[in-house]
């Protein structure tokens, strides 16, 4: 199945980071950690795009169930948008992927993050040690066999359960590391002698 037959792929607007609040937000890759949105920058949007016939079309704003595919840079990051946001525009590094009813968007995000697809894109675009820009046409033309929607939905339950378990395990290990560090330093009376 051609991915472009079941997914709208939208190239973002060229929006820059603003130093002040503008009523618009910008999602930059630095605001994403392990595929999760953590924060936003203020977006600089020219006045001509705020109202009238040149007003930014709704399709350019990040929406719940969007998949953001980072197509430029040294890594390929894929973000699933799990909630509604207001007036958020993605950085130009991302394509917005909007799946139709045949594809579960969370499954699409997971699939695009698998080693199989990451290696496909890295192999296709590898030059020296950096991944080049992935073309929109390559995402549109990506021919991939997908299971039926019901199977995707069941897989998403498993994927989500695993992601929650992974997060809890990482959180636990961070707490354990801190505890061990504190106890070892305390037991051995390690101190910094400041001058």
C-alpha atoms as a PDB file:
ATOM      1  CA  UNK A   1       0.000   0.000   0.000  1.00  0.00           C
ATOM      2  CA  UNK A   2       1.298   3.446  -0.872  1.00  0.00           C
ATOM      3  CA  UNK A   3       1.417   5.468   2.326  1.00  0.00           C
ATOM      4  CA  UNK A   4       0.248   8.569   0.455  1.00  0.00           C
ATOM      5  CA  UNK A   5      -3.039   6.819  -0.434  1.00  0.00           C
ATOM      6  CA  UNK A   6      -4.057   6.722   3.244  1.00  0.00           C
ATOM      7  CA  UNK A   7      -2.114   9.571   4.816  1.00  0.00           C
ATOM      8  CA  UNK A   8      -2.206  13.294   4.025  1.00  0.00           C
ATOM      9  CA  UNK A   9       1.330  14.610   4.169  1.00  0.00           C
ATOM     10  CA  UNK A  10       1.531  18.345   4.803  1.00  0.00           C
ATOM     11  CA  UNK A  11       4.696  20.398   4.456  1.00  0.00           C
ATOM     12  CA  UNK A  12       4.768  23.024   7.223  1.00  0.00           C
ATOM     13  CA  UNK A  13       4.939  26.774   6.871  1.00  0.00           C
ATOM     14  CA  UNK A  14       8.252  28.535   7.284  1.00  0.00           C
ATOM     15  CA  UNK A  15       7.827  29.964  10.789  1.00  0.00           C
ATOM     16  CA  UNK A  16      10.607  31.248  13.037  1.00  0.00           C
ATOM     17  CA  UNK A  17      11.009  31.446  16.789  1.00  0.00           C
ATOM     18  CA  UNK A  18       9.824  34.732  18.331  1.00  0.00           C
ATOM     19  CA  UNK A  19      11.244  36.417  21.415  1.00  0.00           C
ATOM     20  CA  UNK A  20       7.814  37.519  22.644  1.00  0.00           C
ATOM     21  CA  UNK A  21       4.345  36.002  22.941  1.00  0.00           C
ATOM     22  CA  UNK A  22       2.485  36.233  19.652  1.00  0.00           C
ATOM     23  CA  UNK A  23      -0.543  34.012  20.191  1.00  0.00           C
ATOM     24  CA  UNK A  24       1.113  31.310  18.085  1.00  0.00           C
ATOM     25  CA  UNK A  25       3.422  28.550  19.277  1.00  0.00           C
ATOM     26  CA  UNK A  26       6.197  26.709  17.465  1.00  0.00           C
ATOM     27  CA  UNK A  27       7.175  23.086  17.979  1.00  0.00           C
ATOM     28  CA  UNK A  28      10.919  22.705  17.507  1.00  0.00           C
ATOM     29  CA  UNK A  29      12.801  19.387  17.798  1.00  0.00           C
ATOM     30  CA  UNK A  30      14.490  20.672  20.965  1.00  0.00           C
ATOM     31  CA  UNK A  31      11.048  20.658  22.583  1.00  0.00           C
ATOM     32  CA  UNK A  32      10.617  16.919  21.952  1.00  0.00           C
ATOM     33  CA  UNK A  33      12.108  14.215  24.141  1.00  0.00           C
ATOM     34  CA  UNK A  34      11.858  10.553  23.176  1.00  0.00           C
ATOM     35  CA  UNK A  35       8.936  11.237  20.845  1.00  0.00           C
ATOM     36  CA  UNK A  36       6.978  13.245  23.439  1.00  0.00           C
ATOM     37  CA  UNK A  37       6.168  16.954  23.227  1.00  0.00           C
ATOM     38  CA  UNK A  38       7.501  18.741  26.304  1.00  0.00           C
ATOM     39  CA  UNK A  39       7.210  22.430  25.470  1.00  0.00           C
ATOM     40  CA  UNK A  40       6.855  25.074  22.746  1.00  0.00           C
ATOM     41  CA  UNK A  41       8.593  28.228  21.595  1.00  0.00           C
ATOM     42  CA  UNK A  42       6.738  31.404  20.634  1.00  0.00           C
ATOM     43  CA  UNK A  43       6.199  31.574  16.881  1.00  0.00           C
ATOM     44  CA  UNK A  44       6.840  34.600  14.726  1.00  0.00           C
ATOM     45  CA  UNK A  45       3.933  34.835  12.284  1.00  0.00           C
ATOM     46  CA  UNK A  46       3.778  37.778   9.850  1.00  0.00           C
ATOM     47  CA  UNK A  47       0.685  39.971  10.270  1.00  0.00           C
ATOM     48  CA  UNK A  48      -0.528  39.173   6.740  1.00  0.00           C
ATOM     49  CA  UNK A  49      -1.003  35.514   7.785  1.00  0.00           C
ATOM     50  CA  UNK A  50      -3.135  36.269  10.838  1.00  0.00           C
ATOM     51  CA  UNK A  51      -6.332  37.458   9.107  1.00  0.00           C
ATOM     52  CA  UNK A  52      -8.088  37.742   5.763  1.00  0.00           C
ATOM     53  CA  UNK A  53      -7.489  35.731   2.618  1.00  0.00           C
ATOM     54  CA  UNK A  54      -3.868  34.955   3.576  1.00  0.00           C
ATOM     55  CA  UNK A  55      -4.821  33.626   7.023  1.00  0.00           C
ATOM     56  CA  UNK A  56      -2.989  30.420   7.928  1.00  0.00           C
ATOM     57  CA  UNK A  57      -5.111  27.433   6.860  1.00  0.00           C
ATOM     58  CA  UNK A  58      -6.243  25.078   9.607  1.00  0.00           C
ATOM     59  CA  UNK A  59      -4.322  22.163   8.072  1.00  0.00           C
ATOM     60  CA  UNK A  60      -0.972  23.723   9.097  1.00  0.00           C
ATOM     61  CA  UNK A  61      -1.740  23.621  12.829  1.00  0.00           C
ATOM     62  CA  UNK A  62      -0.806  20.607  14.960  1.00  0.00           C
ATOM     63  CA  UNK A  63      -3.873  18.546  15.927  1.00  0.00           C
ATOM     64  CA  UNK A  64      -4.597  15.559  18.119  1.00  0.00           C
ATOM     65  CA  UNK A  65      -3.721  12.285  16.302  1.00  0.00           C
ATOM     66  CA  UNK A  66      -1.233  13.983  13.975  1.00  0.00           C
ATOM     67  CA  UNK A  67       2.071  12.259  13.430  1.00  0.00           C
ATOM     68  CA  UNK A  68       5.014  14.617  13.025  1.00  0.00           C
ATOM     69  CA  UNK A  69       7.844  13.159  10.976  1.00  0.00           C
ATOM     70  CA  UNK A  70      11.173  14.954  11.353  1.00  0.00           C
ATOM     71  CA  UNK A  71      12.440  14.806   7.793  1.00  0.00           C
ATOM     72  CA  UNK A  72      15.531  17.000   8.119  1.00  0.00           C
ATOM     73  CA  UNK A  73      18.590  16.830  10.303  1.00  0.00           C
ATOM     74  CA  UNK A  74      20.941  14.218  11.668  1.00  0.00           C
ATOM     75  CA  UNK A  75      18.181  12.050  13.127  1.00  0.00           C
ATOM     76  CA  UNK A  76      14.686  10.995  12.237  1.00  0.00           C
ATOM     77  CA  UNK A  77      12.265  11.646  15.092  1.00  0.00           C
ATOM     78  CA  UNK A  78       8.598  10.694  14.907  1.00  0.00           C
ATOM     79  CA  UNK A  79       6.096  12.316  17.270  1.00  0.00           C
ATOM     80  CA  UNK A  80       2.523  11.226  17.971  1.00  0.00           C
ATOM     81  CA  UNK A  81       0.330  14.158  19.043  1.00  0.00           C
ATOM     82  CA  UNK A  82      -1.788  12.698  21.844  1.00  0.00           C
ATOM     83  CA  UNK A  83      -3.787  15.794  22.766  1.00  0.00           C
ATOM     84  CA  UNK A  84      -5.252  18.971  21.318  1.00  0.00           C
ATOM     85  CA  UNK A  85      -3.132  22.115  21.246  1.00  0.00           C
ATOM     86  CA  UNK A  86      -4.122  25.628  20.243  1.00  0.00           C
ATOM     87  CA  UNK A  87      -2.274  27.612  17.561  1.00  0.00           C
ATOM     88  CA  UNK A  88       0.760  25.305  17.413  1.00  0.00           C
ATOM     89  CA  UNK A  89       2.752  25.215  14.187  1.00  0.00           C
ATOM     90  CA  UNK A  90       5.506  22.648  13.616  1.00  0.00           C
ATOM     91  CA  UNK A  91       9.023  23.688  12.639  1.00  0.00           C
ATOM     92  CA  UNK A  92       9.969  23.272   8.982  1.00  0.00           C
ATOM     93  CA  UNK A  93      11.916  20.128   9.920  1.00  0.00           C
ATOM     94  CA  UNK A  94       8.624  18.233  10.274  1.00  0.00           C
ATOM     95  CA  UNK A  95       6.029  16.882   7.892  1.00  0.00           C
ATOM     96  CA  UNK A  96       2.521  16.622   9.342  1.00  0.00           C
ATOM     97  CA  UNK A  97       1.054  13.170   8.652  1.00  0.00           C
ATOM     98  CA  UNK A  98      -2.722  12.777   8.989  1.00  0.00           C
ATOM     99  CA  UNK A  99      -3.939   9.230   8.593  1.00  0.00           C
ATOM    100  CA  UNK A 100      -7.381   8.267   7.328  1.00  0.00           C
ATOM    101  CA  UNK A 101      -9.608   5.689   9.046  1.00  0.00           C
ATOM    102  CA  UNK A 102      -7.581   2.750   7.678  1.00  0.00           C
ATOM    103  CA  UNK A 103      -4.506   3.638   9.719  1.00  0.00           C
ATOM    104  CA  UNK A 104      -4.248   4.095  13.475  1.00  0.00           C
ATOM    105  CA  UNK A 105      -2.036   7.197  13.880  1.00  0.00           C
ATOM    106  CA  UNK A 106      -0.289   5.830  16.978  1.00  0.00           C
ATOM    107  CA  UNK A 107       0.512   2.657  15.021  1.00  0.00           C
ATOM    108  CA  UNK A 108       1.850   4.808  12.169  1.00  0.00           C
ATOM    109  CA  UNK A 109       4.127   6.671  14.586  1.00  0.00           C
ATOM    110  CA  UNK A 110       5.397   3.407  16.054  1.00  0.00           C
ATOM    111  CA  UNK A 111       5.966   1.923  12.603  1.00  0.00           C
ATOM    112  CA  UNK A 112       7.929   4.951  11.388  1.00  0.00           C
ATOM    113  CA  UNK A 113      10.166   4.657  14.474  1.00  0.00           C
ATOM    114  CA  UNK A 114      10.995   0.971  13.939  1.00  0.00           C
ATOM    115  CA  UNK A 115      14.518  -0.049  12.967  1.00  0.00           C
ATOM    116  CA  UNK A 116      13.119  -1.345   9.670  1.00  0.00           C
ATOM    117  CA  UNK A 117      11.960   2.081   8.500  1.00  0.00           C
ATOM    118  CA  UNK A 118      14.723   4.086  10.163  1.00  0.00           C
ATOM    119  CA  UNK A 119      17.316   1.947   8.397  1.00  0.00           C
ATOM    120  CA  UNK A 120      15.390   2.325   5.128  1.00  0.00           C
ATOM    121  CA  UNK A 121      15.519   6.131   5.342  1.00  0.00           C
ATOM    122  CA  UNK A 122      19.085   6.230   6.656  1.00  0.00           C
ATOM    123  CA  UNK A 123      20.265   3.967   3.849  1.00  0.00           C
ATOM    124  CA  UNK A 124      18.382   6.003   1.261  1.00  0.00           C
ATOM    125  CA  UNK A 125      19.718   9.360   2.475  1.00  0.00           C
ATOM    126  CA  UNK A 126      23.062   8.533   4.089  1.00  0.00           C
ATOM    127  CA  UNK A 127      25.835  10.918   3.119  1.00  0.00           C
ATOM    128  CA  UNK A 128      28.954  10.909   5.261  1.00  0.00           C
ATOM    129  CA  UNK A 129      27.568  10.722   8.827  1.00  0.00           C
ATOM    130  CA  UNK A 130      24.419  12.833   8.519  1.00  0.00           C
ATOM    131  CA  UNK A 131      20.940  12.025   7.270  1.00  0.00           C
ATOM    132  CA  UNK A 132      19.842  14.446   4.592  1.00  0.00           C
ATOM    133  CA  UNK A 133      16.340  15.787   4.074  1.00  0.00           C
ATOM    134  CA  UNK A 134      13.707  13.113   3.427  1.00  0.00           C
ATOM    135  CA  UNK A 135      11.597  14.161   0.464  1.00  0.00           C
ATOM    136  CA  UNK A 136       7.831  14.346   0.790  1.00  0.00           C
ATOM    137  CA  UNK A 137       7.492  12.214  -2.349  1.00  0.00           C
ATOM    138  CA  UNK A 138       9.482   9.418  -0.694  1.00  0.00           C
ATOM    139  CA  UNK A 139       7.004   9.311   2.181  1.00  0.00           C
ATOM    140  CA  UNK A 140       4.037   9.485  -0.211  1.00  0.00           C
ATOM    141  CA  UNK A 141       5.457   6.681  -2.378  1.00  0.00           C
ATOM    142  CA  UNK A 142       6.547   4.487   0.549  1.00  0.00           C
ATOM    143  CA  UNK A 143       5.023   1.106  -0.318  1.00  0.00           C
ATOM    144  CA  UNK A 144       4.416  -0.873   2.841  1.00  0.00           C
ATOM    145  CA  UNK A 145       2.181  -3.767   3.835  1.00  0.00           C
ATOM    146  CA  UNK A 146       0.046  -2.893   6.849  1.00  0.00           C
ATOM    147  CA  UNK A 147      -2.296  -5.087   8.881  1.00  0.00           C
ATOM    148  CA  UNK A 148      -6.022  -4.322   9.054  1.00  0.00           C
ATOM    149  CA  UNK A 149      -7.122  -1.475  11.343  1.00  0.00           C
ATOM    150  CA  UNK A 150      -8.430  -3.881  14.020  1.00  0.00           C
ATOM    151  CA  UNK A 151      -4.995  -5.510  14.257  1.00  0.00           C
ATOM    152  CA  UNK A 152      -3.330  -2.078  14.380  1.00  0.00           C
ATOM    153  CA  UNK A 153      -5.645  -1.076  17.251  1.00  0.00           C
ATOM    154  CA  UNK A 154      -4.665  -4.192  19.226  1.00  0.00           C
ATOM    155  CA  UNK A 155      -0.995  -3.532  18.518  1.00  0.00           C
ATOM    156  CA  UNK A 156      -1.408   0.038  19.802  1.00  0.00           C
ATOM    157  CA  UNK A 157      -2.674  -1.342  23.125  1.00  0.00           C
ATOM    158  CA  UNK A 158       0.495  -3.444  23.409  1.00  0.00           C
ATOM    159  CA  UNK A 159       2.738  -0.582  22.246  1.00  0.00           C
ATOM    160  CA  UNK A 160       1.173   1.864  24.723  1.00  0.00           C
ATOM    161  CA  UNK A 161       1.469  -0.636  27.557  1.00  0.00           C
ATOM    162  CA  UNK A 162       5.140  -1.190  26.741  1.00  0.00           C
ATOM    163  CA  UNK A 163       5.852   2.564  26.510  1.00  0.00           C
ATOM    164  CA  UNK A 164       4.260   3.065  29.948  1.00  0.00           C
ATOM    165  CA  UNK A 165       6.299   0.190  31.388  1.00  0.00           C
ATOM    166  CA  UNK A 166       9.470   1.574  29.795  1.00  0.00           C
ATOM    167  CA  UNK A 167       8.834   5.053  31.265  1.00  0.00           C
ATOM    168  CA  UNK A 168       8.123   3.623  34.729  1.00  0.00           C
ATOM    169  CA  UNK A 169      11.279   1.500  34.584  1.00  0.00           C
ATOM    170  CA  UNK A 170      13.421   4.478  33.559  1.00  0.00           C
ATOM    171  CA  UNK A 171      11.885   6.614  36.326  1.00  0.00           C
ATOM    172  CA  UNK A 172      12.547   3.832  38.863  1.00  0.00           C
ATOM    173  CA  UNK A 173      16.174   3.444  37.736  1.00  0.00           C
ATOM    174  CA  UNK A 174      16.768   7.206  38.020  1.00  0.00           C
ATOM    175  CA  UNK A 175      15.475   7.172  41.603  1.00  0.00           C
ATOM    176  CA  UNK A 176      17.531   4.065  42.413  1.00  0.00           C
ATOM    177  CA  UNK A 177      20.687   5.610  40.929  1.00  0.00           C
ATOM    178  CA  UNK A 178      20.243   8.762  42.995  1.00  0.00           C
ATOM    179  CA  UNK A 179      19.630   6.744  46.168  1.00  0.00           C
ATOM    180  CA  UNK A 180      22.715   4.548  45.612  1.00  0.00           C
ATOM    181  CA  UNK A 181      24.858   7.566  44.817  1.00  0.00           C
ATOM    182  CA  UNK A 182      23.748   9.366  47.986  1.00  0.00           C
ATOM    183  CA  UNK A 183      24.315   6.284  50.167  1.00  0.00           C
ATOM    184  CA  UNK A 184      27.764   5.506  48.721  1.00  0.00           C
ATOM    185  CA  UNK A 185      28.902   9.101  49.144  1.00  0.00           C
ATOM    186  CA  UNK A 186      27.487   9.249  52.684  1.00  0.00           C
ATOM    187  CA  UNK A 187      28.959   5.893  53.776  1.00  0.00           C
ATOM    188  CA  UNK A 188      32.407   6.784  52.446  1.00  0.00           C
ATOM    189  CA  UNK A 189      32.189  10.356  53.746  1.00  0.00           C
ATOM    190  CA  UNK A 190      33.016  11.842  50.361  1.00  0.00           C
ATOM    191  CA  UNK A 191      33.076  15.606  50.490  1.00  0.00           C
ATOM    192  CA  UNK A 192      34.369  18.459  48.359  1.00  0.00           C
ATOM    193  CA  UNK A 193      36.879  20.616  50.151  1.00  0.00           C
ATOM    194  CA  UNK A 194      36.270  24.136  48.949  1.00  0.00           C
ATOM    195  CA  UNK A 195      39.023  26.733  49.242  1.00  0.00           C
END
